[in-house]
Every structure is written in structure tokens, then in C-alpha cells.
Amino acid sequence: MYKVKCHTNLDLFNEEWPTSLPSIPRVGDRIDSIIDHRDFRLSLEVVSVHWKYVSGFSNDTDEYVPYIELHDYRRRSIKEFYEWYAPLVGKTVGSFI
């Protein structure tokens, strides 16, 4: 397993991303949130992968880890994404925008 750091700039409610994966993903791959909501599990697309030096990532050591940027693969606008996502997590669009 490879240690990884997943990141998205979307404001999300109670989502967690894996910290280890069986391989380094490629741009275009999808990664599922660890959180299993009642009716769905959020899946986002890998839009970039680069190596980042991270302090104290595991065992309080400094190391390089793949830094994985995630975004909505459906290419919706931010507003459209939250109109879809907010009701699924019991929130309003205004909670995010």
C-alpha cells in the first residue's frame, strides 16, 4: 500500500479520503470517500498528482507522499455540484456557497 494525501477544494460535509491506496492513481481515475452516506458514496476524479514533502504524515516522520487533487468528474459548475450534493447530506445549498 502507498501512503497518499487526497485533497479537494470543494467544501464537503463529513467526507474523508483514503490515506493509503494499493497504487498511485493516474489523472482521470476516481477515488471514493471513506464515508458511506445512507444512499450514496461520493466519488471524485483525480485531476492532478504530484509529490509533496509532508511533515509528520505518519509516525511523526517527514517524507514525500503523492498529493492527489480531487474534483467533480461530472464537470458541473460549483453551484450545480452543491445543488446535487447538499440534499444528499441533509444540507441546503446555502450551507456551502
PDB file of N, CA and C in Angstrom:
ATOM      1  N   MET A   1       0.842  -1.183   0.000  1.00  0.00           N
ATOM      2  CA  MET A   1       0.000   0.000   0.000  1.00  0.00           C
ATOM      3  C   MET A   1       0.888   1.248   0.000  1.00  0.00           C
ATOM      4  N   TYR A   2       0.442   2.249  -0.713  1.00  0.00           N
ATOM      5  CA  TYR A   2       1.147   3.525  -0.797  1.00  0.00           C
ATOM      6  C   TYR A   2       0.445   4.559   0.079  1.00  0.00           C
ATOM      7  N   LYS A   3       1.212   5.260   0.889  1.00  0.00           N
ATOM      8  CA  LYS A   3       0.638   6.366   1.659  1.00  0.00           C
ATOM      9  C   LYS A   3       0.364   7.513   0.699  1.00  0.00           C
ATOM     10  N   VAL A   4      -0.816   8.146   0.838  1.00  0.00           N
ATOM     11  CA  VAL A   4      -1.193   9.250  -0.045  1.00  0.00           C
ATOM     12  C   VAL A   4      -1.888  10.337   0.762  1.00  0.00           C
ATOM     13  N   LYS A   5      -1.938  11.517   0.179  1.00  0.00           N
ATOM     14  CA  LYS A   5      -2.695  12.632   0.753  1.00  0.00           C
ATOM     15  C   LYS A   5      -3.663  13.101  -0.323  1.00  0.00           C
ATOM     16  N   CYS A   6      -4.970  12.920  -0.076  1.00  0.00           N
ATOM     17  CA  CYS A   6      -6.003  13.360  -1.012  1.00  0.00           C
ATOM     18  C   CYS A   6      -6.529  14.716  -0.569  1.00  0.00           C
ATOM     19  N   HIS A   7      -6.803  15.573  -1.551  1.00  0.00           N
ATOM     20  CA  HIS A   7      -7.245  16.934  -1.256  1.00  0.00           C
ATOM     21  C   HIS A   7      -8.241  17.390  -2.311  1.00  0.00           C
ATOM     22  N   THR A   8      -9.250  18.137  -1.887  1.00  0.00           N
ATOM     23  CA  THR A   8     -10.154  18.803  -2.810  1.00  0.00           C
ATOM     24  C   THR A   8     -10.442  20.195  -2.273  1.00  0.00           C
ATOM     25  N   ASN A   9     -10.678  21.138  -3.169  1.00  0.00           N
ATOM     26  CA  ASN A   9     -11.033  22.472  -2.690  1.00  0.00           C
ATOM     27  C   ASN A   9     -12.547  22.656  -2.638  1.00  0.00           C
ATOM     28  N   LEU A  10     -13.303  21.580  -2.846  1.00  0.00           N
ATOM     29  CA  LEU A  10     -14.751  21.630  -2.648  1.00  0.00           C
ATOM     30  C   LEU A  10     -15.040  21.632  -1.152  1.00  0.00           C
ATOM     31  N   ASP A  11     -16.017  22.407  -0.727  1.00  0.00           N
ATOM     32  CA  ASP A  11     -16.461  22.349   0.665  1.00  0.00           C
ATOM     33  C   ASP A  11     -17.398  21.156   0.768  1.00  0.00           C
ATOM     34  N   LEU A  12     -17.015  20.181   1.567  1.00  0.00           N
ATOM     35  CA  LEU A  12     -17.806  18.957   1.676  1.00  0.00           C
ATOM     36  C   LEU A  12     -18.211  18.732   3.116  1.00  0.00           C
ATOM     37  N   PHE A  13     -19.277  17.978   3.302  1.00  0.00           N
ATOM     38  CA  PHE A  13     -19.789  17.692   4.636  1.00  0.00           C
ATOM     39  C   PHE A  13     -19.392  16.281   5.036  1.00  0.00           C
ATOM     40  N   ASN A  14     -18.567  16.163   6.065  1.00  0.00           N
ATOM     41  CA  ASN A  14     -18.259  14.878   6.671  1.00  0.00           C
ATOM     42  C   ASN A  14     -17.698  13.865   5.676  1.00  0.00           C
ATOM     43  N   GLU A  15     -16.819  14.299   4.786  1.00  0.00           N
ATOM     44  CA  GLU A  15     -16.177  13.361   3.859  1.00  0.00           C
ATOM     45  C   GLU A  15     -14.756  13.105   4.336  1.00  0.00           C
ATOM     46  N   GLU A  16     -14.307  11.879   4.163  1.00  0.00           N
ATOM     47  CA  GLU A  16     -12.929  11.509   4.471  1.00  0.00           C
ATOM     48  C   GLU A  16     -12.374  10.767   3.274  1.00  0.00           C
ATOM     49  N   TRP A  17     -11.094  10.962   3.027  1.00  0.00           N
ATOM     50  CA  TRP A  17     -10.456  10.351   1.870  1.00  0.00           C
ATOM     51  C   TRP A  17      -9.390   9.372   2.333  1.00  0.00           C
ATOM     52  N   PRO A  18      -9.125   8.348   1.541  1.00  0.00           N
ATOM     53  CA  PRO A  18      -8.137   7.348   1.956  1.00  0.00           C
ATOM     54  C   PRO A  18      -6.757   7.967   2.185  1.00  0.00           C
ATOM     55  N   THR A  19      -6.026   7.389   3.114  1.00  0.00           N
ATOM     56  CA  THR A  19      -4.648   7.818   3.359  1.00  0.00           C
ATOM     57  C   THR A  19      -3.655   6.792   2.825  1.00  0.00           C
ATOM     58  N   SER A  20      -4.167   5.691   2.299  1.00  0.00           N
ATOM     59  CA  SER A  20      -3.318   4.712   1.619  1.00  0.00           C
ATOM     60  C   SER A  20      -4.128   4.068   0.497  1.00  0.00           C
ATOM     61  N   LEU A  21      -3.430   3.743  -0.578  1.00  0.00           N
ATOM     62  CA  LEU A  21      -4.059   3.133  -1.754  1.00  0.00           C
ATOM     63  C   LEU A  21      -3.156   2.017  -2.268  1.00  0.00           C
ATOM     64  N   PRO A  22      -3.717   1.047  -2.990  1.00  0.00           N
ATOM     65  CA  PRO A  22      -2.897  -0.059  -3.490  1.00  0.00           C
ATOM     66  C   PRO A  22      -1.928   0.353  -4.600  1.00  0.00           C
ATOM     67  N   SER A  23      -2.182   1.483  -5.250  1.00  0.00           N
ATOM     68  CA  SER A  23      -1.270   2.005  -6.273  1.00  0.00           C
ATOM     69  C   SER A  23      -1.439   3.519  -6.347  1.00  0.00           C
ATOM     70  N   ILE A  24      -0.500   4.174  -7.000  1.00  0.00           N
ATOM     71  CA  ILE A  24      -0.600   5.620  -7.189  1.00  0.00           C
ATOM     72  C   ILE A  24      -1.606   5.852  -8.320  1.00  0.00           C
ATOM     73  N   PRO A  25      -2.668   6.607  -8.071  1.00  0.00           N
ATOM     74  CA  PRO A  25      -3.670   6.808  -9.123  1.00  0.00           C
ATOM     75  C   PRO A  25      -3.153   7.715 -10.237  1.00  0.00           C
ATOM     76  N   ARG A  26      -3.808   7.617 -11.382  1.00  0.00           N
ATOM     77  CA  ARG A  26      -3.498   8.480 -12.526  1.00  0.00           C
ATOM     78  C   ARG A  26      -4.597   9.511 -12.693  1.00  0.00           C
ATOM     79  N   VAL A  27      -4.281  10.587 -13.375  1.00  0.00           N
ATOM     80  CA  VAL A  27      -5.293  11.586 -13.699  1.00  0.00           C
ATOM     81  C   VAL A  27      -6.412  10.879 -14.464  1.00  0.00           C
ATOM     82  N   GLY A  28      -7.654  11.148 -14.048  1.00  0.00           N
ATOM     83  CA  GLY A  28      -8.816  10.508 -14.659  1.00  0.00           C
ATOM     84  C   GLY A  28      -9.381   9.374 -13.823  1.00  0.00           C
ATOM     85  N   ASP A  29      -8.563   8.788 -12.927  1.00  0.00           N
ATOM     86  CA  ASP A  29      -9.081   7.759 -12.017  1.00  0.00           C
ATOM     87  C   ASP A  29     -10.048   8.409 -11.039  1.00  0.00           C
ATOM     88  N   ARG A  30     -10.899   7.599 -10.438  1.00  0.00           N
ATOM     89  CA  ARG A  30     -11.823   8.105  -9.422  1.00  0.00           C
ATOM     90  C   ARG A  30     -11.488   7.490  -8.069  1.00  0.00           C
ATOM     91  N   ILE A  31     -11.681   8.297  -7.038  1.00  0.00           N
ATOM     92  CA  ILE A  31     -11.452   7.834  -5.667  1.00  0.00           C
ATOM     93  C   ILE A  31     -12.722   8.082  -4.875  1.00  0.00           C
ATOM     94  N   ASP A  32     -13.155   7.055  -4.148  1.00  0.00           N
ATOM     95  CA  ASP A  32     -14.350   7.155  -3.315  1.00  0.00           C
ATOM     96  C   ASP A  32     -13.998   7.666  -1.929  1.00  0.00           C
ATOM     97  N   SER A  33     -14.902   8.448  -1.380  1.00  0.00           N
ATOM     98  CA  SER A  33     -14.801   8.863   0.011  1.00  0.00           C
ATOM     99  C   SER A  33     -14.888   7.619   0.896  1.00  0.00           C
ATOM    100  N   ILE A  34     -14.273   7.684   2.051  1.00  0.00           N
ATOM    101  CA  ILE A  34     -14.378   6.580   3.007  1.00  0.00           C
ATOM    102  C   ILE A  34     -15.777   6.542   3.616  1.00  0.00           C
ATOM    103  N   ILE A  35     -16.423   7.691   3.703  1.00  0.00           N
ATOM    104  CA  ILE A  35     -17.737   7.803   4.341  1.00  0.00           C
ATOM    105  C   ILE A  35     -18.819   7.249   3.425  1.00  0.00           C
ATOM    106  N   ASP A  36     -19.591   6.328   3.960  1.00  0.00           N
ATOM    107  CA  ASP A  36     -20.712   5.739   3.229  1.00  0.00           C
ATOM    108  C   ASP A  36     -21.985   6.394   3.742  1.00  0.00           C
ATOM    109  N   HIS A  37     -22.509   7.352   2.964  1.00  0.00           N
ATOM    110  CA  HIS A  37     -23.757   8.006   3.341  1.00  0.00           C
ATOM    111  C   HIS A  37     -24.902   7.021   3.140  1.00  0.00           C
ATOM    112  N   ARG A  38     -26.045   7.365   3.632  1.00  0.00           N
ATOM    113  CA  ARG A  38     -27.196   6.466   3.598  1.00  0.00           C
ATOM    114  C   ARG A  38     -27.496   5.960   2.183  1.00  0.00           C
ATOM    115  N   ASP A  39     -27.477   6.848   1.197  1.00  0.00           N
ATOM    116  CA  ASP A  39     -27.881   6.470  -0.154  1.00  0.00           C
ATOM    117  C   ASP A  39     -26.768   6.563  -1.195  1.00  0.00           C
ATOM    118  N   PHE A  40     -25.593   6.974  -0.813  1.00  0.00           N
ATOM    119  CA  PHE A  40     -24.527   7.132  -1.807  1.00  0.00           C
ATOM    120  C   PHE A  40     -23.165   7.225  -1.133  1.00  0.00           C
ATOM    121  N   ARG A  41     -22.150   7.096  -1.955  1.00  0.00           N
ATOM    122  CA  ARG A  41     -20.765   7.332  -1.543  1.00  0.00           C
ATOM    123  C   ARG A  41     -20.163   8.280  -2.579  1.00  0.00           C
ATOM    124  N   LEU A  42     -19.628   9.402  -2.123  1.00  0.00           N
ATOM    125  CA  LEU A  42     -19.097  10.404  -3.038  1.00  0.00           C
ATOM    126  C   LEU A  42     -17.838   9.885  -3.721  1.00  0.00           C
ATOM    127  N   SER A  43     -17.786  10.041  -5.025  1.00  0.00           N
ATOM    128  CA  SER A  43     -16.635   9.659  -5.825  1.00  0.00           C
ATOM    129  C   SER A  43     -16.159  10.894  -6.578  1.00  0.00           C
ATOM    130  N   LEU A  44     -14.877  11.203  -6.472  1.00  0.00           N
ATOM    131  CA  LEU A  44     -14.311  12.350  -7.177  1.00  0.00           C
ATOM    132  C   LEU A  44     -13.183  11.880  -8.094  1.00  0.00           C
ATOM    133  N   GLU A  45     -12.898  12.691  -9.102  1.00  0.00           N
ATOM    134  CA  GLU A  45     -11.890  12.352 -10.104  1.00  0.00           C
ATOM    135  C   GLU A  45     -10.532  12.943  -9.738  1.00  0.00           C
ATOM    136  N   VAL A  46      -9.488  12.175  -9.988  1.00  0.00           N
ATOM    137  CA  VAL A  46      -8.124  12.657  -9.806  1.00  0.00           C
ATOM    138  C   VAL A  46      -7.823  13.630 -10.947  1.00  0.00           C
ATOM    139  N   VAL A  47      -7.524  14.883 -10.597  1.00  0.00           N
ATOM    140  CA  VAL A  47      -7.205  15.883 -11.620  1.00  0.00           C
ATOM    141  C   VAL A  47      -5.715  16.224 -11.644  1.00  0.00           C
ATOM    142  N   SER A  48      -4.985  15.886 -10.585  1.00  0.00           N
ATOM    143  CA  SER A  48      -3.527  16.034 -10.607  1.00  0.00           C
ATOM    144  C   SER A  48      -2.918  15.180  -9.505  1.00  0.00           C
ATOM    145  N   VAL A  49      -1.687  14.764  -9.750  1.00  0.00           N
ATOM    146  CA  VAL A  49      -0.908  14.020  -8.753  1.00  0.00           C
ATOM    147  C   VAL A  49       0.495  14.608  -8.771  1.00  0.00           C
ATOM    148  N   HIS A  50       0.956  15.037  -7.621  1.00  0.00           N
ATOM    149  CA  HIS A  50       2.350  15.464  -7.522  1.00  0.00           C
ATOM    150  C   HIS A  50       2.894  15.044  -6.161  1.00  0.00           C
ATOM    151  N   TRP A  51       4.195  15.015  -6.060  1.00  0.00           N
ATOM    152  CA  TRP A  51       4.833  14.613  -4.816  1.00  0.00           C
ATOM    153  C   TRP A  51       5.029  15.838  -3.948  1.00  0.00           C
ATOM    154  N   LYS A  52       4.628  15.704  -2.692  1.00  0.00           N
ATOM    155  CA  LYS A  52       4.718  16.822  -1.762  1.00  0.00           C
ATOM    156  C   LYS A  52       5.441  16.354  -0.500  1.00  0.00           C
ATOM    157  N   TYR A  53       6.325  17.194   0.007  1.00  0.00           N
ATOM    158  CA  TYR A  53       7.037  16.894   1.245  1.00  0.00           C
ATOM    159  C   TYR A  53       6.125  17.240   2.412  1.00  0.00           C
ATOM    160  N   VAL A  54       5.805  16.248   3.227  1.00  0.00           N
ATOM    161  CA  VAL A  54       4.837  16.418   4.306  1.00  0.00           C
ATOM    162  C   VAL A  54       5.513  16.120   5.639  1.00  0.00           C
ATOM    163  N   SER A  55       5.363  17.023   6.589  1.00  0.00           N
ATOM    164  CA  SER A  55       5.921  16.825   7.932  1.00  0.00           C
ATOM    165  C   SER A  55       4.947  16.035   8.789  1.00  0.00           C
ATOM    166  N   GLY A  56       5.460  15.023   9.467  1.00  0.00           N
ATOM    167  CA  GLY A  56       4.656  14.272  10.424  1.00  0.00           C
ATOM    168  C   GLY A  56       3.468  13.540   9.829  1.00  0.00           C
ATOM    169  N   PHE A  57       3.569  13.110   8.584  1.00  0.00           N
ATOM    170  CA  PHE A  57       2.437  12.432   7.944  1.00  0.00           C
ATOM    171  C   PHE A  57       2.137  11.094   8.615  1.00  0.00           C
ATOM    172  N   SER A  58       3.170  10.311   8.860  1.00  0.00           N
ATOM    173  CA  SER A  58       2.972   9.044   9.572  1.00  0.00           C
ATOM    174  C   SER A  58       4.181   8.801  10.462  1.00  0.00           C
ATOM    175  N   ASN A  59       3.922   8.298  11.624  1.00  0.00           N
ATOM    176  CA  ASN A  59       4.990   8.018  12.593  1.00  0.00           C
ATOM    177  C   ASN A  59       5.866   9.237  12.855  1.00  0.00           C
ATOM    178  N   ASP A  60       5.262  10.423  12.778  1.00  0.00           N
ATOM    179  CA  ASP A  60       5.979  11.673  13.047  1.00  0.00           C
ATOM    180  C   ASP A  60       7.257  11.826  12.228  1.00  0.00           C
ATOM    181  N   THR A  61       7.242  11.315  11.002  1.00  0.00           N
ATOM    182  CA  THR A  61       8.396  11.477  10.129  1.00  0.00           C
ATOM    183  C   THR A  61       8.056  12.447   9.007  1.00  0.00           C
ATOM    184  N   ASP A  62       9.085  13.053   8.458  1.00  0.00           N
ATOM    185  CA  ASP A  62       8.921  13.924   7.299  1.00  0.00           C
ATOM    186  C   ASP A  62       9.213  13.082   6.063  1.00  0.00           C
ATOM    187  N   GLU A  63       8.335  13.170   5.066  1.00  0.00           N
ATOM    188  CA  GLU A  63       8.525  12.335   3.886  1.00  0.00           C
ATOM    189  C   GLU A  63       7.759  12.900   2.693  1.00  0.00           C
ATOM    190  N   TYR A  64       8.122  12.429   1.515  1.00  0.00           N
ATOM    191  CA  TYR A  64       7.376  12.760   0.305  1.00  0.00           C
ATOM    192  C   TYR A  64       6.228  11.775   0.156  1.00  0.00           C
ATOM    193  N   VAL A  65       5.053  12.307  -0.146  1.00  0.00           N
ATOM    194  CA  VAL A  65       3.894  11.452  -0.413  1.00  0.00           C
ATOM    195  C   VAL A  65       3.189  11.974  -1.666  1.00  0.00           C
ATOM    196  N   PRO A  66       2.515  11.088  -2.402  1.00  0.00           N
ATOM    197  CA  PRO A  66       1.731  11.556  -3.538  1.00  0.00           C
ATOM    198  C   PRO A  66       0.584  12.430  -3.031  1.00  0.00           C
ATOM    199  N   TYR A  67       0.501  13.632  -3.540  1.00  0.00           N
ATOM    200  CA  TYR A  67      -0.530  14.597  -3.166  1.00  0.00           C
ATOM    201  C   TYR A  67      -1.544  14.594  -4.304  1.00  0.00           C
ATOM    202  N   ILE A  68      -2.752  14.136  -4.014  1.00  0.00           N
ATOM    203  CA  ILE A  68      -3.752  13.861  -5.038  1.00  0.00           C
ATOM    204  C   ILE A  68      -4.874  14.892  -4.959  1.00  0.00           C
ATOM    205  N   GLU A  69      -5.027  15.660  -6.034  1.00  0.00           N
ATOM    206  CA  GLU A  69      -6.092  16.668  -6.117  1.00  0.00           C
ATOM    207  C   GLU A  69      -7.325  16.020  -6.736  1.00  0.00           C
ATOM    208  N   LEU A  70      -8.471  16.179  -6.051  1.00  0.00           N
ATOM    209  CA  LEU A  70      -9.731  15.577  -6.495  1.00  0.00           C
ATOM    210  C   LEU A  70     -10.745  16.650  -6.852  1.00  0.00           C
ATOM    211  N   HIS A  71     -11.581  16.343  -7.847  1.00  0.00           N
ATOM    212  CA  HIS A  71     -12.657  17.265  -8.219  1.00  0.00           C
ATOM    213  C   HIS A  71     -13.812  16.469  -8.822  1.00  0.00           C
ATOM    214  N   ASP A  72     -14.943  17.125  -8.965  1.00  0.00           N
ATOM    215  CA  ASP A  72     -16.151  16.510  -9.516  1.00  0.00           C
ATOM    216  C   ASP A  72     -15.911  16.074 -10.963  1.00  0.00           C
ATOM    217  N   TYR A  73     -16.098  14.788 -11.248  1.00  0.00           N
ATOM    218  CA  TYR A  73     -15.836  14.281 -12.595  1.00  0.00           C
ATOM    219  C   TYR A  73     -16.956  14.580 -13.585  1.00  0.00           C
ATOM    220  N   ARG A  74     -18.080  15.036 -13.093  1.00  0.00           N
ATOM    221  CA  ARG A  74     -19.196  15.316 -13.998  1.00  0.00           C
ATOM    222  C   ARG A  74     -19.080  16.691 -14.650  1.00  0.00           C
ATOM    223  N   ARG A  75     -18.047  17.443 -14.287  1.00  0.00           N
ATOM    224  CA  ARG A  75     -17.779  18.760 -14.876  1.00  0.00           C
ATOM    225  C   ARG A  75     -18.924  19.746 -14.690  1.00  0.00           C
ATOM    226  N   ARG A  76     -19.595  19.625 -13.565  1.00  0.00           N
ATOM    227  CA  ARG A  76     -20.664  20.576 -13.248  1.00  0.00           C
ATOM    228  C   ARG A  76     -20.052  21.853 -12.702  1.00  0.00           C
ATOM    229  N   SER A  77     -20.840  22.929 -12.761  1.00  0.00           N
ATOM    230  CA  SER A  77     -20.404  24.157 -12.096  1.00  0.00           C
ATOM    231  C   SER A  77     -20.450  23.902 -10.589  1.00  0.00           C
ATOM    232  N   ILE A  78     -19.803  24.750  -9.830  1.00  0.00           N
ATOM    233  CA  ILE A  78     -19.824  24.615  -8.370  1.00  0.00           C
ATOM    234  C   ILE A  78     -21.263  24.663  -7.864  1.00  0.00           C
ATOM    235  N   LYS A  79     -22.053  25.583  -8.395  1.00  0.00           N
ATOM    236  CA  LYS A  79     -23.456  25.698  -7.979  1.00  0.00           C
ATOM    237  C   LYS A  79     -24.222  24.411  -8.287  1.00  0.00           C
ATOM    238  N   GLU A  80     -24.042  23.863  -9.480  1.00  0.00           N
ATOM    239  CA  GLU A  80     -24.724  22.609  -9.843  1.00  0.00           C
ATOM    240  C   GLU A  80     -24.283  21.458  -8.947  1.00  0.00           C
ATOM    241  N   PHE A  81     -22.982  21.417  -8.627  1.00  0.00           N
ATOM    242  CA  PHE A  81     -22.489  20.363  -7.742  1.00  0.00           C
ATOM    243  C   PHE A  81     -23.188  20.428  -6.387  1.00  0.00           C
ATOM    244  N   TYR A  82     -23.253  21.621  -5.792  1.00  0.00           N
ATOM    245  CA  TYR A  82     -23.876  21.745  -4.473  1.00  0.00           C
ATOM    246  C   TYR A  82     -25.384  21.541  -4.523  1.00  0.00           C
ATOM    247  N   GLU A  83     -26.034  21.888  -5.628  1.00  0.00           N
ATOM    248  CA  GLU A  83     -27.471  21.598  -5.767  1.00  0.00           C
ATOM    249  C   GLU A  83     -27.715  20.093  -5.770  1.00  0.00           C
ATOM    250  N   TRP A  84     -26.763  19.326  -6.276  1.00  0.00           N
ATOM    251  CA  TRP A  84     -26.861  17.864  -6.259  1.00  0.00           C
ATOM    252  C   TRP A  84     -26.445  17.300  -4.891  1.00  0.00           C
ATOM    253  N   TYR A  85     -25.330  17.797  -4.358  1.00  0.00           N
ATOM    254  CA  TYR A  85     -24.712  17.227  -3.157  1.00  0.00           C
ATOM    255  C   TYR A  85     -25.442  17.585  -1.864  1.00  0.00           C
ATOM    256  N   ALA A  86     -25.852  18.836  -1.691  1.00  0.00           N
ATOM    257  CA  ALA A  86     -26.428  19.314  -0.428  1.00  0.00           C
ATOM    258  C   ALA A  86     -27.618  18.478   0.043  1.00  0.00           C
ATOM    259  N   PRO A  87     -28.627  18.197  -0.784  1.00  0.00           N
ATOM    260  CA  PRO A  87     -29.757  17.403  -0.296  1.00  0.00           C
ATOM    261  C   PRO A  87     -29.361  15.980   0.112  1.00  0.00           C
ATOM    262  N   LEU A  88     -28.333  15.431  -0.533  1.00  0.00           N
ATOM    263  CA  LEU A  88     -27.897  14.069  -0.207  1.00  0.00           C
ATOM    264  C   LEU A  88     -27.304  13.969   1.193  1.00  0.00           C
ATOM    265  N   VAL A  89     -26.737  15.072   1.684  1.00  0.00           N
ATOM    266  CA  VAL A  89     -26.136  15.065   3.024  1.00  0.00           C
ATOM    267  C   VAL A  89     -26.989  15.834   4.028  1.00  0.00           C
ATOM    268  N   GLY A  90     -28.236  16.143   3.643  1.00  0.00           N
ATOM    269  CA  GLY A  90     -29.170  16.793   4.561  1.00  0.00           C
ATOM    270  C   GLY A  90     -28.886  18.262   4.807  1.00  0.00           C
ATOM    271  N   LYS A  91     -28.288  18.943   3.856  1.00  0.00           N
ATOM    272  CA  LYS A  91     -27.954  20.365   3.986  1.00  0.00           C
ATOM    273  C   LYS A  91     -28.639  21.154   2.877  1.00  0.00           C
ATOM    274  N   THR A  92     -28.524  22.471   2.959  1.00  0.00           N
ATOM    275  CA  THR A  92     -29.020  23.336   1.891  1.00  0.00           C
ATOM    276  C   THR A  92     -27.827  23.844   1.089  1.00  0.00           C
ATOM    277  N   VAL A  93     -28.088  24.287  -0.118  1.00  0.00           N
ATOM    278  CA  VAL A  93     -27.019  24.839  -0.950  1.00  0.00           C
ATOM    279  C   VAL A  93     -26.350  26.006  -0.236  1.00  0.00           C
ATOM    280  N   GLY A  94     -27.141  26.803   0.491  1.00  0.00           N
ATOM    281  CA  GLY A  94     -26.604  27.937   1.236  1.00  0.00           C
ATOM    282  C   GLY A  94     -25.591  27.538   2.298  1.00  0.00           C
ATOM    283  N   SER A  95     -25.602  26.294   2.730  1.00  0.00           N
ATOM    284  CA  SER A  95     -24.620  25.817   3.706  1.00  0.00           C
ATOM    285  C   SER A  95     -23.218  25.767   3.113  1.00  0.00           C
ATOM    286  N   PHE A  96     -23.134  25.686   1.801  1.00  0.00           N
ATOM    287  CA  PHE A  96     -21.847  25.518   1.130  1.00  0.00           C
ATOM    288  C   PHE A  96     -21.396  26.742   0.346  1.00  0.00           C
ATOM    289  N   ILE A  97     -22.347  27.528  -0.152  1.00  0.00           N
ATOM    290  CA  ILE A  97     -21.984  28.669  -1.007  1.00  0.00           C
ATOM    291  C   ILE A  97     -22.146  29.959  -0.222  1.00  0.00           C
TER     292      ILE A  97
END
